[in-house]
Amino acid sequence: MNANRSGFDRRSFVTSAAAIGAVGLATPLFAQTPDAGRVQYDESADQRRNISSFRAQDWRPYFSSLTNGAILCDLTSRCVHFWSEDESIYRLYPSSIPVSQDLTRKGRTEIIKKVEGPSWAPTPEMKKRNPEWPDFVPPGPDNPLGTHALWFSWQYYRLHGTHDTRKIGRKSSNGCIGLYNEHIKEMYDLTKVGTQVLLI
């Protein structure tokens, strides 16, 4: 009986330890890097995607011409459309969008700068909300801007990659539009300074 009890206890211990280990491995390390914390997710929001916007779209309702190419960031369907100037290239990418209305900006802008391997620094407002965040993050795998970034003419607003793929398809950013790193690299290669941008 003691042997059985001992065996049972040992099995219970091993099973419990394995379960704890599995939970530890499966649990995301929130706040591991800036802009990836639990606070960035709108848990009450409906995360279902609007599939109608993922069908091929005509650029004409949004732009008068395709001079320099055009980018449409659709906040409703959480996707980014791109048309080349000569109409030979059309791309559609899932994206992250700002987590709240007060962080969301809509309207027309353009790309004013392109950076491969961007560094990142929180805006003054981000730092107020998250004082524990670092003042600067150099380029690298944990950089919140991912591998490439396209600067808009609006201060602090970017179209960029992300090291946190959980964010794509969600309301999860502090104002920027995020893409998977492989998609922002493609956009970086397709766009130029002066490419038109519209956020709707």
N, C-alpha and C. Protein backbone atom coordinates (compact mmCIF):
# COMPACT_ATOMS: atom_id res chain seq x y z
N MET A 1 0.83 -1.20 0.00
CA MET A 1 0.00 0.00 0.00
C MET A 1 0.87 1.25 0.00
N ASN A 2 1.95 1.23 0.81
CA ASN A 2 2.85 2.36 0.81
C ASN A 2 3.51 2.53 -0.56
N ALA A 3 3.86 1.41 -1.17
CA ALA A 3 4.49 1.48 -2.50
C ALA A 3 3.52 2.08 -3.49
N ASN A 4 2.24 1.65 -3.42
CA ASN A 4 1.24 2.20 -4.35
C ASN A 4 1.05 3.70 -4.12
N ARG A 5 0.98 4.05 -2.83
CA ARG A 5 0.79 5.47 -2.52
C ARG A 5 2.00 6.28 -3.01
N SER A 6 3.19 5.69 -2.79
CA SER A 6 4.40 6.37 -3.23
C SER A 6 4.41 6.51 -4.74
N GLY A 7 4.04 5.43 -5.44
CA GLY A 7 3.99 5.49 -6.90
C GLY A 7 2.99 6.51 -7.39
N PHE A 8 1.82 6.53 -6.73
CA PHE A 8 0.78 7.49 -7.10
C PHE A 8 1.28 8.92 -6.90
N ASP A 9 1.90 9.16 -5.75
CA ASP A 9 2.40 10.50 -5.47
C ASP A 9 3.45 10.93 -6.49
N ARG A 10 4.33 9.99 -6.85
CA ARG A 10 5.39 10.30 -7.82
C ARG A 10 4.77 10.65 -9.17
N ARG A 11 3.78 9.82 -9.58
CA ARG A 11 3.12 10.08 -10.86
C ARG A 11 2.41 11.44 -10.83
N SER A 12 1.76 11.73 -9.69
CA SER A 12 1.06 13.01 -9.58
C SER A 12 2.03 14.17 -9.69
N PHE A 13 3.17 14.02 -9.02
CA PHE A 13 4.18 15.07 -9.06
C PHE A 13 4.69 15.29 -10.47
N VAL A 14 5.03 14.17 -11.15
CA VAL A 14 5.56 14.27 -12.52
C VAL A 14 4.52 14.88 -13.45
N THR A 15 3.26 14.43 -13.32
CA THR A 15 2.18 14.96 -14.17
C THR A 15 1.97 16.45 -13.92
N SER A 16 1.96 16.84 -12.63
CA SER A 16 1.78 18.25 -12.30
C SER A 16 2.92 19.10 -12.82
N ALA A 17 4.14 18.61 -12.67
CA ALA A 17 5.31 19.35 -13.15
C ALA A 17 5.25 19.52 -14.66
N ALA A 18 4.85 18.44 -15.37
CA ALA A 18 4.76 18.52 -16.83
C ALA A 18 3.70 19.54 -17.24
N ALA A 19 2.56 19.52 -16.51
CA ALA A 19 1.48 20.46 -16.84
C ALA A 19 1.92 21.89 -16.61
N ILE A 20 2.60 22.13 -15.49
CA ILE A 20 3.08 23.48 -15.20
C ILE A 20 4.09 23.92 -16.25
N GLY A 21 4.97 23.00 -16.64
CA GLY A 21 5.96 23.32 -17.66
C GLY A 21 5.31 23.65 -18.98
N ALA A 22 4.26 22.88 -19.35
CA ALA A 22 3.57 23.12 -20.63
C ALA A 22 2.89 24.47 -20.62
N VAL A 23 2.24 24.79 -19.49
CA VAL A 23 1.57 26.09 -19.40
C VAL A 23 2.60 27.21 -19.49
N GLY A 24 3.71 27.04 -18.82
CA GLY A 24 4.76 28.06 -18.86
C GLY A 24 5.27 28.28 -20.26
N LEU A 25 5.42 27.21 -21.03
CA LEU A 25 5.92 27.34 -22.40
C LEU A 25 4.88 27.94 -23.32
N ALA A 26 3.60 27.65 -23.05
CA ALA A 26 2.54 28.10 -23.96
C ALA A 26 2.13 29.54 -23.68
N THR A 27 2.37 30.03 -22.48
CA THR A 27 1.93 31.37 -22.12
C THR A 27 2.83 32.43 -22.73
N PRO A 28 2.26 33.38 -23.50
CA PRO A 28 3.10 34.44 -24.09
C PRO A 28 3.74 35.28 -22.99
N LEU A 29 4.92 35.74 -23.24
CA LEU A 29 5.61 36.60 -22.29
C LEU A 29 5.21 38.04 -22.58
N PHE A 30 4.05 38.46 -22.05
CA PHE A 30 3.56 39.80 -22.30
C PHE A 30 4.53 40.82 -21.76
N ALA A 31 4.60 41.94 -22.40
CA ALA A 31 5.49 43.04 -22.02
C ALA A 31 6.95 42.64 -22.14
N GLN A 32 7.21 41.59 -22.92
CA GLN A 32 8.58 41.16 -23.16
C GLN A 32 9.32 42.25 -23.91
N THR A 33 8.65 42.85 -24.88
CA THR A 33 9.21 43.96 -25.63
C THR A 33 8.14 45.03 -25.77
N PRO A 34 8.49 46.27 -26.01
CA PRO A 34 7.50 47.34 -26.11
C PRO A 34 6.48 47.07 -27.21
N ASP A 35 5.27 47.56 -27.00
CA ASP A 35 4.19 47.52 -27.98
C ASP A 35 3.66 46.11 -28.18
N ALA A 36 4.08 45.15 -27.35
CA ALA A 36 3.59 43.78 -27.49
C ALA A 36 2.81 43.34 -26.27
N GLY A 37 2.51 44.26 -25.35
CA GLY A 37 1.88 43.88 -24.10
C GLY A 37 0.40 43.67 -24.21
N ARG A 38 -0.14 43.02 -23.17
CA ARG A 38 -1.57 42.73 -23.11
C ARG A 38 -2.40 44.01 -23.26
N VAL A 39 -1.91 45.14 -22.76
CA VAL A 39 -2.63 46.40 -22.82
C VAL A 39 -2.94 46.83 -24.24
N GLN A 40 -2.18 46.32 -25.21
CA GLN A 40 -2.38 46.73 -26.59
C GLN A 40 -3.56 46.04 -27.26
N TYR A 41 -4.17 45.05 -26.60
CA TYR A 41 -5.26 44.31 -27.22
C TYR A 41 -6.61 44.78 -26.71
N ASP A 42 -7.53 44.98 -27.62
CA ASP A 42 -8.89 45.34 -27.27
C ASP A 42 -9.67 44.03 -27.17
N GLU A 43 -9.71 43.45 -25.96
CA GLU A 43 -10.29 42.12 -25.77
C GLU A 43 -11.80 42.11 -26.02
N SER A 44 -12.46 43.26 -25.90
CA SER A 44 -13.91 43.30 -26.09
C SER A 44 -14.31 43.44 -27.55
N ALA A 45 -13.33 43.69 -28.42
CA ALA A 45 -13.64 43.94 -29.84
C ALA A 45 -13.93 42.64 -30.57
N ASP A 46 -14.77 42.74 -31.59
CA ASP A 46 -15.05 41.61 -32.46
C ASP A 46 -13.88 41.46 -33.42
N GLN A 47 -13.16 40.34 -33.32
CA GLN A 47 -11.95 40.17 -34.12
C GLN A 47 -12.22 39.53 -35.48
N ARG A 48 -13.50 39.23 -35.78
CA ARG A 48 -13.79 38.63 -37.08
C ARG A 48 -13.48 39.60 -38.19
N ARG A 49 -12.96 39.08 -39.29
CA ARG A 49 -12.55 39.94 -40.40
C ARG A 49 -13.70 40.14 -41.39
N ASN A 50 -13.72 41.29 -42.02
CA ASN A 50 -14.71 41.60 -43.04
C ASN A 50 -14.18 41.08 -44.38
N ILE A 51 -14.60 39.88 -44.78
CA ILE A 51 -14.00 39.25 -45.95
C ILE A 51 -14.30 39.97 -47.25
N SER A 52 -15.33 40.81 -47.27
CA SER A 52 -15.66 41.51 -48.52
C SER A 52 -14.51 42.40 -48.96
N SER A 53 -13.76 42.93 -48.03
CA SER A 53 -12.65 43.81 -48.39
C SER A 53 -11.42 43.05 -48.85
N PHE A 54 -11.44 41.74 -48.73
CA PHE A 54 -10.30 40.95 -49.16
C PHE A 54 -10.42 40.50 -50.61
N ARG A 55 -11.50 40.94 -51.27
CA ARG A 55 -11.62 40.68 -52.70
C ARG A 55 -10.95 41.82 -53.46
N ALA A 56 -10.62 41.57 -54.72
CA ALA A 56 -9.94 42.60 -55.52
C ALA A 56 -10.76 43.89 -55.54
N GLN A 57 -10.10 44.99 -55.34
CA GLN A 57 -10.77 46.28 -55.25
C GLN A 57 -10.28 47.20 -56.37
N ASP A 58 -11.15 48.09 -56.79
CA ASP A 58 -10.81 49.12 -57.78
C ASP A 58 -10.28 50.33 -57.03
N TRP A 59 -9.19 50.91 -57.50
CA TRP A 59 -8.59 52.06 -56.83
C TRP A 59 -9.36 53.35 -57.07
N ARG A 60 -10.17 53.41 -58.14
CA ARG A 60 -10.79 54.66 -58.57
C ARG A 60 -11.69 55.35 -57.54
N PRO A 61 -12.43 54.61 -56.70
CA PRO A 61 -13.23 55.33 -55.70
C PRO A 61 -12.40 56.07 -54.65
N TYR A 62 -11.10 55.77 -54.57
CA TYR A 62 -10.27 56.30 -53.50
C TYR A 62 -9.19 57.28 -53.95
N PHE A 63 -8.75 57.16 -55.20
CA PHE A 63 -7.65 57.99 -55.72
C PHE A 63 -8.01 58.54 -57.09
N SER A 64 -7.60 59.77 -57.37
CA SER A 64 -7.87 60.37 -58.68
C SER A 64 -6.90 59.85 -59.75
N SER A 65 -5.73 59.36 -59.30
CA SER A 65 -4.76 58.77 -60.22
C SER A 65 -3.87 57.84 -59.41
N LEU A 66 -3.00 57.11 -60.10
CA LEU A 66 -2.05 56.23 -59.42
C LEU A 66 -0.62 56.78 -59.49
N THR A 67 -0.49 58.08 -59.63
CA THR A 67 0.84 58.69 -59.67
C THR A 67 1.64 58.31 -58.43
N ASN A 68 2.81 57.76 -58.65
CA ASN A 68 3.70 57.27 -57.58
C ASN A 68 3.18 56.02 -56.87
N GLY A 69 2.09 55.44 -57.35
CA GLY A 69 1.50 54.29 -56.68
C GLY A 69 0.57 54.73 -55.56
N ALA A 70 -0.21 53.79 -55.03
CA ALA A 70 -1.20 54.14 -54.01
C ALA A 70 -1.36 53.02 -52.99
N ILE A 71 -1.53 53.43 -51.73
CA ILE A 71 -1.77 52.51 -50.62
C ILE A 71 -3.08 52.91 -49.96
N LEU A 72 -3.97 51.94 -49.80
CA LEU A 72 -5.23 52.15 -49.08
C LEU A 72 -5.20 51.29 -47.83
N CYS A 73 -5.28 51.93 -46.66
CA CYS A 73 -5.35 51.22 -45.38
C CYS A 73 -6.80 51.21 -44.94
N ASP A 74 -7.44 50.06 -45.00
CA ASP A 74 -8.85 49.92 -44.65
C ASP A 74 -8.93 49.46 -43.19
N LEU A 75 -9.33 50.36 -42.32
CA LEU A 75 -9.36 50.06 -40.89
C LEU A 75 -10.51 49.13 -40.52
N THR A 76 -11.57 49.12 -41.32
CA THR A 76 -12.71 48.26 -41.02
C THR A 76 -12.35 46.79 -41.23
N SER A 77 -11.75 46.50 -42.36
CA SER A 77 -11.41 45.10 -42.66
C SER A 77 -9.99 44.74 -42.22
N ARG A 78 -9.25 45.74 -41.72
CA ARG A 78 -7.89 45.52 -41.23
C ARG A 78 -7.01 44.92 -42.32
N CYS A 79 -6.96 45.63 -43.44
CA CYS A 79 -6.13 45.18 -44.55
C CYS A 79 -5.56 46.40 -45.28
N VAL A 80 -4.50 46.16 -46.01
CA VAL A 80 -3.80 47.20 -46.77
C VAL A 80 -3.76 46.79 -48.24
N HIS A 81 -4.23 47.70 -49.10
CA HIS A 81 -4.19 47.48 -50.55
C HIS A 81 -3.05 48.30 -51.14
N PHE A 82 -2.40 47.77 -52.16
CA PHE A 82 -1.38 48.53 -52.88
C PHE A 82 -1.60 48.37 -54.38
N TRP A 83 -1.52 49.51 -55.11
CA TRP A 83 -1.56 49.52 -56.57
C TRP A 83 -0.31 50.23 -57.08
N SER A 84 0.35 49.64 -58.05
CA SER A 84 1.51 50.31 -58.65
C SER A 84 1.03 51.39 -59.62
N GLU A 85 1.92 52.31 -59.93
CA GLU A 85 1.57 53.44 -60.79
C GLU A 85 1.05 52.99 -62.15
N ASP A 86 1.63 51.93 -62.72
CA ASP A 86 1.21 51.48 -64.04
C ASP A 86 0.11 50.41 -63.98
N GLU A 87 -0.43 50.16 -62.79
CA GLU A 87 -1.52 49.19 -62.56
C GLU A 87 -1.11 47.74 -62.81
N SER A 88 0.16 47.48 -62.99
CA SER A 88 0.57 46.10 -63.26
C SER A 88 0.66 45.26 -61.98
N ILE A 89 0.71 45.93 -60.82
CA ILE A 89 0.85 45.21 -59.55
C ILE A 89 -0.26 45.63 -58.60
N TYR A 90 -0.93 44.64 -58.05
CA TYR A 90 -1.92 44.86 -56.99
C TYR A 90 -1.61 43.87 -55.87
N ARG A 91 -1.55 44.36 -54.64
CA ARG A 91 -1.29 43.51 -53.48
C ARG A 91 -2.32 43.81 -52.39
N LEU A 92 -2.59 42.79 -51.59
CA LEU A 92 -3.51 42.91 -50.47
C LEU A 92 -2.92 42.19 -49.27
N TYR A 93 -2.82 42.89 -48.15
CA TYR A 93 -2.18 42.33 -46.96
C TYR A 93 -3.05 42.51 -45.72
N PRO A 94 -3.13 41.51 -44.84
CA PRO A 94 -3.79 41.72 -43.55
C PRO A 94 -2.93 42.63 -42.68
N SER A 95 -3.56 43.42 -41.82
CA SER A 95 -2.80 44.39 -41.03
C SER A 95 -3.33 44.49 -39.60
N SER A 96 -2.53 45.09 -38.75
CA SER A 96 -3.01 45.53 -37.45
C SER A 96 -3.44 46.98 -37.60
N ILE A 97 -4.29 47.42 -36.69
CA ILE A 97 -4.78 48.81 -36.71
C ILE A 97 -4.71 49.36 -35.29
N PRO A 98 -4.90 50.68 -35.12
CA PRO A 98 -4.86 51.26 -33.78
C PRO A 98 -5.88 50.63 -32.83
N VAL A 99 -5.49 50.57 -31.56
CA VAL A 99 -6.30 49.89 -30.56
C VAL A 99 -7.54 50.68 -30.15
N SER A 100 -7.54 51.99 -30.38
CA SER A 100 -8.69 52.81 -29.98
C SER A 100 -8.89 53.98 -30.94
N GLN A 101 -10.08 54.58 -30.86
CA GLN A 101 -10.41 55.70 -31.74
C GLN A 101 -9.49 56.90 -31.53
N ASP A 102 -9.12 57.16 -30.28
CA ASP A 102 -8.29 58.34 -30.02
C ASP A 102 -6.88 58.18 -30.57
N LEU A 103 -6.46 56.96 -30.88
CA LEU A 103 -5.15 56.74 -31.48
C LEU A 103 -5.22 56.61 -33.00
N THR A 104 -6.44 56.66 -33.54
CA THR A 104 -6.65 56.43 -34.97
C THR A 104 -6.68 57.74 -35.75
N ARG A 105 -5.94 57.76 -36.84
CA ARG A 105 -5.98 58.92 -37.74
C ARG A 105 -6.43 58.44 -39.11
N LYS A 106 -7.32 59.20 -39.73
CA LYS A 106 -7.81 58.88 -41.07
C LYS A 106 -7.53 60.05 -42.00
N GLY A 107 -7.51 59.74 -43.31
CA GLY A 107 -7.30 60.80 -44.28
C GLY A 107 -6.15 60.49 -45.22
N ARG A 108 -5.72 61.53 -45.94
CA ARG A 108 -4.68 61.37 -46.96
C ARG A 108 -3.31 61.81 -46.46
N THR A 109 -2.32 61.02 -46.80
CA THR A 109 -0.94 61.35 -46.49
C THR A 109 -0.08 60.74 -47.59
N GLU A 110 1.22 60.65 -47.37
CA GLU A 110 2.09 60.01 -48.35
C GLU A 110 3.34 59.50 -47.65
N ILE A 111 4.06 58.65 -48.34
CA ILE A 111 5.31 58.15 -47.78
C ILE A 111 6.39 59.22 -47.96
N ILE A 112 7.04 59.59 -46.86
CA ILE A 112 8.08 60.61 -46.93
C ILE A 112 9.47 60.04 -46.63
N LYS A 113 9.52 58.79 -46.15
CA LYS A 113 10.80 58.20 -45.79
C LYS A 113 10.65 56.69 -45.74
N LYS A 114 11.69 55.97 -46.16
CA LYS A 114 11.71 54.51 -46.11
C LYS A 114 12.95 54.07 -45.33
N VAL A 115 12.76 53.16 -44.38
CA VAL A 115 13.88 52.72 -43.54
C VAL A 115 13.91 51.21 -43.45
N GLU A 116 15.04 50.63 -43.80
CA GLU A 116 15.27 49.21 -43.58
C GLU A 116 16.03 49.07 -42.27
N GLY A 117 15.56 48.20 -41.38
CA GLY A 117 16.18 48.07 -40.06
C GLY A 117 15.93 49.29 -39.20
N PRO A 118 14.65 49.67 -38.99
CA PRO A 118 14.37 50.88 -38.22
C PRO A 118 14.66 50.71 -36.73
N SER A 119 15.01 51.80 -36.07
CA SER A 119 15.05 51.84 -34.62
C SER A 119 13.70 52.36 -34.15
N TRP A 120 13.45 52.30 -32.85
CA TRP A 120 12.15 52.71 -32.32
C TRP A 120 12.32 53.45 -31.01
N ALA A 121 11.51 54.48 -30.83
CA ALA A 121 11.44 55.20 -29.56
C ALA A 121 9.97 55.52 -29.29
N PRO A 122 9.51 55.37 -28.06
CA PRO A 122 8.10 55.68 -27.77
C PRO A 122 7.83 57.17 -27.91
N THR A 123 6.63 57.51 -28.34
CA THR A 123 6.23 58.91 -28.36
C THR A 123 6.04 59.38 -26.91
N PRO A 124 5.99 60.69 -26.67
CA PRO A 124 5.74 61.17 -25.31
C PRO A 124 4.46 60.60 -24.70
N GLU A 125 3.40 60.47 -25.51
CA GLU A 125 2.15 59.93 -24.99
C GLU A 125 2.29 58.45 -24.63
N MET A 126 2.99 57.68 -25.47
CA MET A 126 3.23 56.27 -25.15
C MET A 126 3.98 56.13 -23.84
N LYS A 127 4.97 56.98 -23.65
CA LYS A 127 5.80 56.92 -22.44
C LYS A 127 4.97 57.25 -21.20
N LYS A 128 4.02 58.17 -21.34
CA LYS A 128 3.13 58.48 -20.21
C LYS A 128 2.28 57.27 -19.86
N ARG A 129 1.75 56.59 -20.88
CA ARG A 129 0.90 55.42 -20.64
C ARG A 129 1.70 54.22 -20.17
N ASN A 130 2.96 54.13 -20.60
CA ASN A 130 3.79 52.97 -20.30
C ASN A 130 5.17 53.42 -19.83
N PRO A 131 5.28 53.98 -18.63
CA PRO A 131 6.56 54.53 -18.18
C PRO A 131 7.68 53.49 -18.07
N GLU A 132 7.29 52.21 -18.00
CA GLU A 132 8.31 51.16 -17.88
C GLU A 132 8.99 50.84 -19.21
N TRP A 133 8.45 51.35 -20.32
CA TRP A 133 9.05 51.07 -21.62
C TRP A 133 10.40 51.78 -21.76
N PRO A 134 11.32 51.19 -22.51
CA PRO A 134 12.62 51.85 -22.72
C PRO A 134 12.47 53.10 -23.58
N ASP A 135 13.45 53.98 -23.50
CA ASP A 135 13.43 55.21 -24.30
C ASP A 135 13.84 54.95 -25.75
N PHE A 136 14.50 53.83 -25.99
CA PHE A 136 15.01 53.55 -27.34
C PHE A 136 15.21 52.05 -27.50
N VAL A 137 14.82 51.54 -28.68
CA VAL A 137 15.09 50.14 -29.03
C VAL A 137 15.81 50.14 -30.37
N PRO A 138 17.02 49.59 -30.43
CA PRO A 138 17.77 49.58 -31.68
C PRO A 138 17.18 48.60 -32.69
N PRO A 139 17.61 48.66 -33.94
CA PRO A 139 17.15 47.68 -34.93
C PRO A 139 17.47 46.26 -34.45
N GLY A 140 16.62 45.33 -34.82
CA GLY A 140 16.86 43.95 -34.43
C GLY A 140 15.57 43.17 -34.35
N PRO A 141 15.65 41.90 -33.97
CA PRO A 141 14.47 41.02 -34.00
C PRO A 141 13.37 41.41 -33.02
N ASP A 142 13.70 42.16 -31.96
CA ASP A 142 12.69 42.57 -30.98
C ASP A 142 12.19 43.99 -31.19
N ASN A 143 12.60 44.63 -32.29
CA ASN A 143 12.17 45.99 -32.52
C ASN A 143 10.68 46.03 -32.88
N PRO A 144 9.89 46.89 -32.23
CA PRO A 144 8.44 46.94 -32.51
C PRO A 144 8.09 47.34 -33.95
N LEU A 145 9.03 47.96 -34.68
CA LEU A 145 8.75 48.34 -36.07
C LEU A 145 9.12 47.25 -37.06
N GLY A 146 9.58 46.11 -36.56
CA GLY A 146 9.91 45.02 -37.46
C GLY A 146 11.14 45.31 -38.30
N THR A 147 11.14 44.75 -39.49
CA THR A 147 12.34 44.82 -40.34
C THR A 147 12.39 46.05 -41.24
N HIS A 148 11.24 46.63 -41.56
CA HIS A 148 11.16 47.77 -42.47
C HIS A 148 10.05 48.71 -42.00
N ALA A 149 10.19 50.00 -42.32
CA ALA A 149 9.15 50.96 -41.96
C ALA A 149 9.03 52.03 -43.04
N LEU A 150 7.80 52.44 -43.28
CA LEU A 150 7.49 53.52 -44.22
C LEU A 150 6.89 54.67 -43.41
N TRP A 151 7.58 55.81 -43.41
CA TRP A 151 7.13 56.98 -42.65
C TRP A 151 6.03 57.70 -43.43
N PHE A 152 4.92 58.05 -42.74
CA PHE A 152 3.90 58.92 -43.33
C PHE A 152 4.29 60.37 -43.04
N SER A 153 3.63 61.30 -43.73
CA SER A 153 3.89 62.72 -43.48
C SER A 153 3.35 63.16 -42.12
N TRP A 154 2.47 62.38 -41.51
CA TRP A 154 1.95 62.68 -40.18
C TRP A 154 2.99 62.27 -39.14
N GLN A 155 3.27 63.12 -38.20
CA GLN A 155 4.25 62.80 -37.16
C GLN A 155 3.85 61.55 -36.39
N TYR A 156 4.81 60.66 -36.18
CA TYR A 156 4.68 59.42 -35.40
C TYR A 156 3.91 58.30 -36.10
N TYR A 157 3.39 58.52 -37.29
CA TYR A 157 2.60 57.49 -37.95
C TYR A 157 3.44 56.75 -38.99
N ARG A 158 3.33 55.44 -38.99
CA ARG A 158 4.13 54.59 -39.88
C ARG A 158 3.29 53.43 -40.40
N LEU A 159 3.77 52.88 -41.50
CA LEU A 159 3.36 51.55 -41.96
C LEU A 159 4.61 50.70 -41.78
N HIS A 160 4.54 49.69 -40.94
CA HIS A 160 5.77 48.98 -40.57
C HIS A 160 5.51 47.50 -40.32
N GLY A 161 6.58 46.77 -40.15
CA GLY A 161 6.48 45.36 -39.81
C GLY A 161 6.26 45.19 -38.32
N THR A 162 6.23 43.95 -37.87
CA THR A 162 6.09 43.69 -36.44
C THR A 162 6.77 42.39 -36.06
N HIS A 163 7.39 42.38 -34.88
CA HIS A 163 7.99 41.16 -34.34
C HIS A 163 6.93 40.31 -33.65
N ASP A 164 5.74 40.87 -33.42
CA ASP A 164 4.67 40.19 -32.69
C ASP A 164 3.52 39.87 -33.65
N THR A 165 3.56 38.68 -34.22
CA THR A 165 2.58 38.33 -35.27
C THR A 165 1.17 38.19 -34.71
N ARG A 166 1.00 38.13 -33.39
CA ARG A 166 -0.35 38.08 -32.81
C ARG A 166 -1.14 39.34 -33.12
N LYS A 167 -0.44 40.43 -33.43
CA LYS A 167 -1.09 41.72 -33.62
C LYS A 167 -1.83 41.83 -34.95
N ILE A 168 -1.40 41.07 -35.96
CA ILE A 168 -1.99 41.21 -37.29
C ILE A 168 -3.44 40.74 -37.28
N GLY A 169 -4.30 41.57 -37.88
CA GLY A 169 -5.73 41.27 -37.90
C GLY A 169 -6.46 41.78 -36.67
N ARG A 170 -5.75 42.47 -35.78
CA ARG A 170 -6.35 42.95 -34.54
C ARG A 170 -6.23 44.47 -34.40
N LYS A 171 -7.04 45.00 -33.47
CA LYS A 171 -6.82 46.35 -32.98
C LYS A 171 -5.72 46.23 -31.95
N SER A 172 -4.52 46.64 -32.30
CA SER A 172 -3.40 46.31 -31.41
C SER A 172 -2.24 47.29 -31.44
N SER A 173 -2.37 48.41 -32.14
CA SER A 173 -1.22 49.32 -32.23
C SER A 173 -1.51 50.64 -31.53
N ASN A 174 -0.47 51.44 -31.37
CA ASN A 174 -0.59 52.77 -30.77
C ASN A 174 -0.89 53.84 -31.81
N GLY A 175 -1.25 53.46 -33.03
CA GLY A 175 -1.59 54.43 -34.07
C GLY A 175 -1.12 54.02 -35.45
N CYS A 176 -0.05 53.24 -35.50
CA CYS A 176 0.51 52.81 -36.78
C CYS A 176 -0.28 51.65 -37.38
N ILE A 177 0.04 51.36 -38.63
CA ILE A 177 -0.51 50.20 -39.33
C ILE A 177 0.61 49.17 -39.43
N GLY A 178 0.37 47.97 -38.96
CA GLY A 178 1.40 46.93 -38.95
C GLY A 178 1.15 45.82 -39.95
N LEU A 179 2.22 45.29 -40.51
CA LEU A 179 2.14 44.16 -41.42
C LEU A 179 3.11 43.07 -40.95
N TYR A 180 2.90 41.86 -41.45
CA TYR A 180 3.90 40.82 -41.23
C TYR A 180 5.22 41.30 -41.84
N ASN A 181 6.34 40.90 -41.27
CA ASN A 181 7.64 41.36 -41.78
C ASN A 181 7.85 41.03 -43.25
N GLU A 182 7.41 39.86 -43.70
CA GLU A 182 7.60 39.51 -45.11
C GLU A 182 6.77 40.40 -46.03
N HIS A 183 5.62 40.90 -45.52
CA HIS A 183 4.78 41.78 -46.32
C HIS A 183 5.32 43.21 -46.36
N ILE A 184 5.82 43.70 -45.23
CA ILE A 184 6.37 45.06 -45.25
C ILE A 184 7.63 45.11 -46.10
N LYS A 185 8.39 44.04 -46.14
CA LYS A 185 9.56 44.02 -47.02
C LYS A 185 9.13 44.14 -48.47
N GLU A 186 8.06 43.44 -48.83
CA GLU A 186 7.54 43.53 -50.19
C GLU A 186 7.05 44.94 -50.48
N MET A 187 6.32 45.53 -49.52
CA MET A 187 5.84 46.90 -49.70
C MET A 187 7.00 47.88 -49.81
N TYR A 188 8.02 47.67 -49.02
CA TYR A 188 9.20 48.52 -49.07
C TYR A 188 9.80 48.53 -50.47
N ASP A 189 9.86 47.37 -51.08
CA ASP A 189 10.43 47.25 -52.42
C ASP A 189 9.52 47.83 -53.50
N LEU A 190 8.20 47.80 -53.27
CA LEU A 190 7.24 48.26 -54.28
C LEU A 190 7.00 49.77 -54.24
N THR A 191 7.18 50.38 -53.07
CA THR A 191 6.82 51.79 -52.90
C THR A 191 8.02 52.71 -53.09
N LYS A 192 7.72 53.99 -53.11
CA LYS A 192 8.76 55.02 -53.22
C LYS A 192 8.37 56.20 -52.35
N VAL A 193 9.31 57.08 -52.09
CA VAL A 193 8.97 58.33 -51.43
C VAL A 193 8.00 59.08 -52.36
N GLY A 194 6.87 59.48 -51.83
CA GLY A 194 5.85 60.12 -52.64
C GLY A 194 4.66 59.23 -52.93
N THR A 195 4.74 57.92 -52.61
CA THR A 195 3.58 57.05 -52.81
C THR A 195 2.40 57.57 -51.98
N GLN A 196 1.23 57.66 -52.61
CA GLN A 196 0.03 58.16 -51.96
C GLN A 196 -0.46 57.16 -50.91
N VAL A 197 -1.03 57.67 -49.84
CA VAL A 197 -1.60 56.82 -48.79
C VAL A 197 -2.95 57.40 -48.36
N LEU A 198 -3.93 56.51 -48.22
CA LEU A 198 -5.23 56.90 -47.71
C LEU A 198 -5.64 55.92 -46.63
N LEU A 199 -6.01 56.44 -45.45
CA LEU A 199 -6.55 55.63 -44.37
C LEU A 199 -8.04 55.91 -44.26
N ILE A 200 -8.84 54.85 -44.35
CA ILE A 200 -10.30 55.01 -44.25
C ILE A 200 -10.85 54.13 -43.15
